[in-house]
Protein backbone atom coordinates (compact mmCIF):
# COMPACT_ATOMS: atom_id res chain seq x y z
CA MET A 1 14.97 -5.60 37.62
CA PHE A 2 12.08 -7.54 36.00
CA ARG A 3 13.27 -6.57 32.53
CA GLN A 4 16.82 -7.68 33.30
CA PHE A 5 15.46 -10.99 34.62
CA ALA A 6 13.30 -11.43 31.52
CA ALA A 7 16.29 -10.64 29.32
CA ALA A 8 18.33 -13.26 31.18
CA LEU A 9 15.61 -15.83 30.55
CA THR A 10 15.57 -14.92 26.86
CA LEU A 11 19.33 -15.37 26.67
CA ILE A 12 19.17 -18.73 28.41
CA GLY A 13 16.35 -19.81 26.08
CA GLY A 14 18.37 -18.67 23.06
CA THR A 15 21.41 -20.64 24.21
CA LEU A 16 19.38 -23.80 24.45
CA ALA A 17 17.36 -23.31 21.29
CA GLY A 18 20.10 -22.22 18.91
CA PRO A 19 21.45 -19.10 17.17
CA ALA A 20 18.17 -17.90 15.61
CA GLN A 21 16.52 -17.63 19.02
CA ALA A 22 19.52 -15.73 20.42
CA GLN A 23 18.96 -12.96 17.86
CA GLU A 24 15.51 -12.12 19.17
CA LYS A 25 15.23 -8.61 20.57
CA ASP A 26 12.70 -6.45 22.32
CA ILE A 27 12.40 -2.68 22.60
CA LEU A 28 10.40 -0.49 24.92
CA ASN A 29 8.67 2.63 23.62
CA VAL A 30 7.93 4.91 26.57
CA SER A 31 5.19 7.28 25.51
CA TYR A 32 2.55 9.72 26.69
CA ASP A 33 -0.79 8.81 28.19
CA ILE A 34 -3.21 8.91 25.26
CA ALA A 35 -0.97 7.28 22.63
CA ARG A 36 -1.76 3.63 23.43
CA GLU A 37 -3.98 2.95 20.42
CA LEU A 38 -1.78 4.96 18.08
CA TYR A 39 1.37 2.95 18.73
CA ALA A 40 -0.57 -0.30 18.85
CA ALA A 41 -1.32 0.48 15.18
CA ILE A 42 2.22 1.69 14.38
CA ASN A 43 3.94 -1.41 15.77
CA PRO A 44 2.64 -4.09 13.35
CA ALA A 45 3.20 -1.77 10.39
CA PHE A 46 6.82 -1.24 11.42
CA LEU A 47 7.34 -4.97 11.89
CA GLU A 48 5.86 -5.63 8.44
CA GLN A 49 8.19 -3.18 6.72
CA ARG A 50 11.19 -4.83 8.41
CA GLY A 51 10.48 -7.88 6.27
CA ALA A 52 10.19 -11.59 6.92
CA ASP A 53 13.96 -12.05 7.00
CA ALA A 54 14.49 -9.64 9.91
CA ALA A 55 15.29 -11.03 13.34
CA PRO A 56 12.23 -11.47 15.56
CA LEU A 57 11.36 -8.31 17.48
CA THR A 58 8.93 -7.60 20.30
CA ILE A 59 7.80 -3.99 20.76
CA ASN A 60 6.62 -3.16 24.26
CA GLN A 61 4.76 0.01 25.22
CA SER A 62 4.57 2.09 28.39
CA HIS A 63 2.06 4.94 28.74
CA ALA A 64 1.50 7.60 31.38
CA GLY A 65 1.75 11.36 31.73
CA SER A 66 4.78 12.53 29.74
CA SER A 67 6.58 14.13 32.69
CA LYS A 68 5.86 11.10 34.86
CA GLN A 69 7.42 8.91 32.18
CA ALA A 70 10.56 11.04 32.04
CA ARG A 71 10.98 10.71 35.80
CA ALA A 72 10.46 6.94 35.56
CA ILE A 73 13.32 6.67 33.05
CA LEU A 74 15.59 8.70 35.32
CA GLN A 75 14.66 6.29 38.09
CA GLY A 76 15.48 3.17 36.08
CA LEU A 77 12.72 2.39 33.55
CA GLN A 78 14.63 0.77 30.68
CA ALA A 79 13.33 2.75 27.70
CA ASP A 80 14.97 2.21 24.31
CA LEU A 81 13.14 5.18 22.82
CA VAL A 82 10.68 7.86 23.82
CA THR A 83 7.73 9.32 21.95
CA PHE A 84 6.66 12.18 24.18
CA ASN A 85 4.29 15.12 23.82
CA GLN A 86 6.54 17.85 25.14
CA VAL A 87 10.09 18.97 24.42
CA LEU A 88 10.91 19.68 28.05
CA ASP A 89 10.50 16.05 29.06
CA VAL A 90 13.08 14.96 26.48
CA GLU A 91 15.38 17.80 27.50
CA ILE A 92 15.38 16.49 31.07
CA LEU A 93 16.63 13.14 29.75
CA ALA A 94 19.29 14.90 27.67
CA GLU A 95 20.49 16.90 30.66
CA ASN A 96 20.96 13.66 32.58
CA GLY A 97 22.84 11.88 29.80
CA PHE A 98 20.09 9.49 28.69
CA VAL A 99 19.49 11.22 25.35
CA ALA A 100 22.00 12.93 23.05
CA SER A 101 22.33 16.68 23.53
CA ASP A 102 21.63 17.20 19.81
CA TRP A 103 18.55 14.96 19.81
CA GLN A 104 16.44 17.56 17.98
CA GLN A 105 18.87 17.52 15.04
CA GLN A 106 18.80 13.73 14.70
CA PHE A 107 15.35 13.62 13.08
CA PRO A 108 13.39 16.01 10.83
CA ASN A 109 11.12 18.81 12.07
CA ASN A 110 13.04 19.22 15.33
CA ALA A 111 12.48 15.52 16.01
CA SER A 112 8.69 15.95 15.93
CA PRO A 113 7.15 13.62 13.31
CA TYR A 114 3.64 14.95 13.93
CA TYR A 115 1.86 17.70 15.84
CA SER A 116 -1.48 18.72 17.26
CA LEU A 117 -3.02 21.52 19.33
CA PRO A 118 -5.26 21.90 22.39
CA ALA A 119 -8.92 21.71 21.38
CA PHE A 120 -12.26 21.16 23.11
CA MET A 121 -14.56 18.18 23.39
CA VAL A 122 -18.10 19.07 24.45
CA ARG A 123 -21.29 17.16 24.99
CA GLU A 124 -23.67 16.65 22.08
CA GLY A 125 -25.34 19.86 21.00
CA ASN A 126 -22.74 21.93 22.85
CA PRO A 127 -25.28 22.95 25.55
CA LYS A 128 -22.94 25.51 27.13
CA ASP A 129 -22.16 27.09 23.72
CA ILE A 130 -18.39 26.75 24.13
CA ASP A 131 -16.56 28.10 21.09
CA GLY A 132 -13.29 29.61 22.33
CA TRP A 133 -10.90 30.10 25.21
CA ASP A 134 -12.94 32.94 26.71
CA ASP A 135 -15.81 30.54 27.37
CA LEU A 136 -13.66 28.43 29.72
CA ALA A 137 -13.66 31.28 32.26
CA ARG A 138 -17.43 31.86 32.18
CA GLU A 139 -19.41 31.31 35.36
CA GLY A 140 -21.17 27.97 35.36
CA VAL A 141 -18.77 26.23 32.93
CA SER A 142 -17.11 23.10 34.33
CA VAL A 143 -13.71 22.40 32.72
CA ILE A 144 -11.65 19.20 32.64
CA PHE A 145 -7.98 18.97 31.67
CA PRO A 146 -4.97 17.13 33.15
CA ASN A 147 -2.65 18.54 35.78
CA PRO A 148 0.06 20.75 34.20
CA LYS A 149 2.46 19.58 36.91
CA THR A 150 2.36 15.97 35.70
CA SER A 151 1.10 16.08 32.13
CA GLY A 152 2.48 17.61 28.95
CA ASN A 153 -1.11 17.66 27.71
CA GLY A 154 -2.07 19.79 30.71
CA ARG A 155 0.86 22.15 30.21
CA TYR A 156 -0.14 22.75 26.61
CA THR A 157 -3.68 23.60 27.72
CA TYR A 158 -2.48 26.05 30.37
CA LEU A 159 0.01 27.71 28.04
CA ALA A 160 -2.50 27.86 25.17
CA ALA A 161 -4.98 29.64 27.44
CA TRP A 162 -2.29 32.06 28.63
CA ALA A 163 -1.10 32.75 25.06
CA TRP A 164 -4.67 33.41 23.90
CA ALA A 165 -5.25 35.77 26.83
CA MET A 166 -1.99 37.65 26.15
CA ASP A 167 -3.17 38.22 22.57
CA GLU A 168 -6.75 39.02 23.57
CA PHE A 169 -5.80 41.54 26.26
CA GLY A 170 -2.89 43.12 24.42
CA GLY A 171 -0.28 41.83 26.84
CA ASP A 172 -2.00 43.25 29.96
CA GLU A 173 -0.76 40.67 32.48
CA ALA A 174 -3.22 41.74 35.18
CA LYS A 175 -6.11 40.90 32.86
CA VAL A 176 -4.38 37.69 31.78
CA ARG A 177 -3.98 36.58 35.39
CA ASP A 178 -7.61 37.43 36.14
CA TYR A 179 -8.74 35.32 33.18
CA MET A 180 -6.45 32.42 34.14
CA THR A 181 -7.65 32.49 37.76
CA LYS A 182 -11.28 32.25 36.65
CA MET A 183 -10.50 29.50 34.16
CA LEU A 184 -8.53 27.45 36.71
CA ASN A 185 -11.28 27.90 39.28
CA ASN A 186 -13.64 26.27 36.77
CA VAL A 187 -11.50 23.12 36.57
CA GLU A 188 -13.49 20.33 38.19
CA VAL A 189 -10.79 17.63 38.25
CA PHE A 190 -7.01 17.66 37.65
CA ASP A 191 -6.15 14.12 36.52
CA THR A 192 -2.47 13.17 36.24
CA GLY A 193 -2.64 12.40 32.51
CA GLY A 194 -4.64 13.02 29.36
CA ARG A 195 -6.39 9.65 29.23
CA GLY A 196 -7.45 10.00 32.85
CA ALA A 197 -9.01 13.37 31.99
CA THR A 198 -10.84 11.80 29.05
CA THR A 199 -12.17 9.06 31.34
CA THR A 200 -13.35 11.64 33.85
CA PHE A 201 -15.26 13.49 31.13
CA THR A 202 -16.68 10.54 29.20
CA GLU A 203 -17.11 7.70 31.68
CA ARG A 204 -17.65 9.62 34.91
CA GLY A 205 -19.74 12.27 33.18
CA ILE A 206 -18.00 15.18 34.90
CA GLY A 207 -17.54 18.55 33.21
CA ASP A 208 -19.00 20.57 30.37
CA VAL A 209 -15.81 20.67 28.30
CA LEU A 210 -12.68 18.54 28.07
CA VAL A 211 -9.57 20.37 26.87
CA THR A 212 -7.15 17.92 25.27
CA PHE A 213 -5.19 17.42 22.08
CA GLU A 214 -7.26 17.83 18.93
CA ALA A 215 -6.34 14.28 17.96
CA GLU A 216 -7.73 12.83 21.19
CA ALA A 217 -10.92 14.88 20.94
CA LEU A 218 -11.53 13.83 17.32
CA ASN A 219 -10.74 10.18 18.06
CA ILE A 220 -13.14 9.97 20.99
CA ALA A 221 -15.91 12.01 19.37
CA GLY A 222 -15.61 9.93 16.21
CA GLN A 223 -15.93 6.63 18.07
CA THR A 224 -18.47 7.49 20.76
CA GLU A 225 -21.93 9.02 20.45
CA GLY A 226 -22.80 12.03 22.54
CA TYR A 227 -19.74 14.24 21.96
CA GLU A 228 -18.58 16.94 19.57
CA THR A 229 -15.18 18.50 18.87
CA VAL A 230 -14.70 22.26 18.89
CA VAL A 231 -11.43 23.57 17.45
CA PRO A 232 -10.82 27.14 18.66
CA PRO A 233 -9.64 29.71 16.09
CA GLN A 234 -6.42 30.20 18.07
CA SER A 235 -4.40 27.58 19.92
CA LEU A 236 -0.85 26.47 20.70
CA LEU A 237 1.43 24.34 18.54
CA ALA A 238 1.82 20.99 20.31
CA GLU A 239 4.84 19.10 19.02
CA PHE A 240 5.42 15.42 19.75
CA PRO A 241 9.18 14.95 20.17
CA VAL A 242 10.91 11.61 19.77
CA ALA A 243 14.38 10.39 20.70
CA VAL A 244 16.51 7.31 21.11
CA VAL A 245 17.43 6.72 24.75
CA GLU A 246 21.03 6.04 23.85
CA LYS A 247 22.22 5.37 27.40
CA VAL A 248 19.90 2.35 27.55
CA ALA A 249 19.73 1.30 23.90
CA SER A 250 23.52 1.24 23.43
CA GLN A 251 23.85 -1.10 26.41
CA ARG A 252 21.07 -3.36 25.16
CA GLY A 253 22.20 -3.45 21.53
CA THR A 254 18.92 -1.94 20.35
CA GLU A 255 20.03 1.50 19.21
CA GLU A 256 19.79 0.77 15.48
CA ILE A 257 16.33 -0.79 15.83
CA ALA A 258 15.12 2.12 17.98
CA ARG A 259 16.38 4.59 15.39
CA ASP A 260 14.72 2.63 12.57
CA TYR A 261 11.45 2.67 14.51
CA LEU A 262 11.52 6.45 14.87
CA ASN A 263 12.49 6.94 11.23
CA PHE A 264 9.44 4.84 10.28
CA LEU A 265 7.23 7.53 11.81
CA TYR A 266 8.47 9.88 9.06
CA SER A 267 7.81 7.41 6.23
CA THR A 268 4.71 7.80 4.09
CA LYS A 269 3.14 4.74 5.73
CA GLY A 270 3.96 6.01 9.20
CA GLN A 271 2.57 9.47 8.40
CA GLU A 272 -0.62 7.91 7.03
CA ILE A 273 -1.16 5.99 10.27
CA LEU A 274 -0.45 9.07 12.36
CA ALA A 275 -2.96 11.08 10.31
CA SER A 276 -5.55 8.31 10.59
CA PHE A 277 -5.48 8.96 14.34
CA ASN A 278 -6.21 12.63 13.66
CA ASN A 279 -2.68 13.92 14.16
CA ARG A 280 -1.39 16.66 11.86
CA VAL A 281 1.67 15.54 9.90
CA HIS A 282 4.40 16.91 7.65
CA ASP A 283 4.47 14.61 4.60
CA GLU A 284 3.11 16.79 1.78
CA ALA A 285 1.12 14.03 0.07
CA VAL A 286 -0.46 12.90 3.33
CA VAL A 287 -1.22 16.50 4.32
CA LYS A 288 -2.97 17.07 0.98
CA ALA A 289 -4.97 13.85 1.30
CA ASN A 290 -6.25 14.90 4.74
CA ALA A 291 -6.65 18.64 4.19
CA ASP A 292 -10.45 18.59 4.59
CA ARG A 293 -10.24 17.06 8.06
CA PHE A 294 -8.28 19.81 9.78
CA PRO A 295 -9.53 23.41 10.02
CA GLU A 296 -7.14 26.33 9.74
CA VAL A 297 -5.97 27.49 13.18
CA GLU A 298 -3.69 30.34 14.22
CA LEU A 299 -1.03 28.57 16.25
CA PHE A 300 1.02 30.32 18.90
CA LYS A 301 4.46 28.87 19.64
CA VAL A 302 5.89 28.38 23.11
CA GLU A 303 9.17 29.97 22.05
CA ASP A 304 7.45 33.10 20.74
CA VAL A 305 5.18 33.68 23.74
CA PHE A 306 7.25 32.34 26.64
CA GLY A 307 10.84 32.50 25.36
CA SER A 308 11.47 28.75 25.64
CA TRP A 309 10.11 25.64 27.29
CA GLU A 310 12.70 26.06 30.03
CA GLN A 311 11.50 29.59 30.77
CA ALA A 312 7.86 28.49 30.70
CA GLN A 313 8.65 25.69 33.15
CA GLU A 314 10.55 27.94 35.54
CA THR A 315 8.04 30.79 35.43
CA HIS A 316 4.77 28.87 35.44
CA PHE A 317 5.17 25.28 36.60
CA ALA A 318 8.06 25.21 39.08
CA SER A 319 7.21 25.10 42.77
CA GLY A 320 6.00 28.54 43.78
CA GLY A 321 5.54 29.58 40.13
CA VAL A 322 2.64 31.38 38.51
CA LEU A 323 0.42 28.28 38.39
CA ASP A 324 0.76 27.84 42.16
CA GLU A 325 0.04 31.55 42.69
CA LEU A 326 -3.09 31.43 40.55
CA GLN A 327 -4.40 28.31 42.24
CA ARG A 328 -3.94 29.86 45.67
CA GLN A 329 -6.25 32.65 44.51
């Protein structure tokens, strides 16, 4: 309602001020919790490449847990585009007619311009000697990561731990469940989103290890004294899917701009900015220029371990699923 009112004011202002004012547009990028600073850097670069002759454009941002954002759009948040951290949250929009059913074919790399993986941030000196997923289940280790029910970041962490355990224990599900129960029992706080989990770890001083995207861990550790990043030898591929919310953008006349914005993420300049925030990218020249910053990691894929995101959701995160069973234990 507020956005419609604001749009009405813009239209009235344009009518009074002349044709140039009437061409002004705004778009809303609805994104995941920890991407605030990233897109604050992307936005001016995109506006610059549009050129001085382009119609004035305001880019607004909305950030929260990825799944929470998807629900907000279904409930009326007027997103022109989404930049999420999990495929399932875009699929929910596609199933409800907000995003095209072939959204993953509309942009390269399955509509994922960059990727990351769950990694660890520990306190300086790594006093608990945390090097891999097995350490998260040790007695006396306090773990922080966001709630898998509300956060794509949290789901990646849970699934990465499960995938590691399946590999470690040769597919013995009883041993996997035992490991997962111990690891979940070590979780001190389940925040609703990734940035909340970071705040709990850094500002509230809770926990021995924060499990979050490698990019978030490197960004925080690089800017703040007292923390180190540990990248485990095995982790889970975390894709960051993007899509135009055609149901909204077509009505608002912003579909072309929204598509241009997402295409910019694949440009060399866009990839350079993404990499500067410690995301792993696809552009060969940018990958080569940043090769020393990212260690080699064996990456499991959701599709290979769990069948699909839909199957992972139904089995592990739906009401009464495996996550609920493990937490009851």
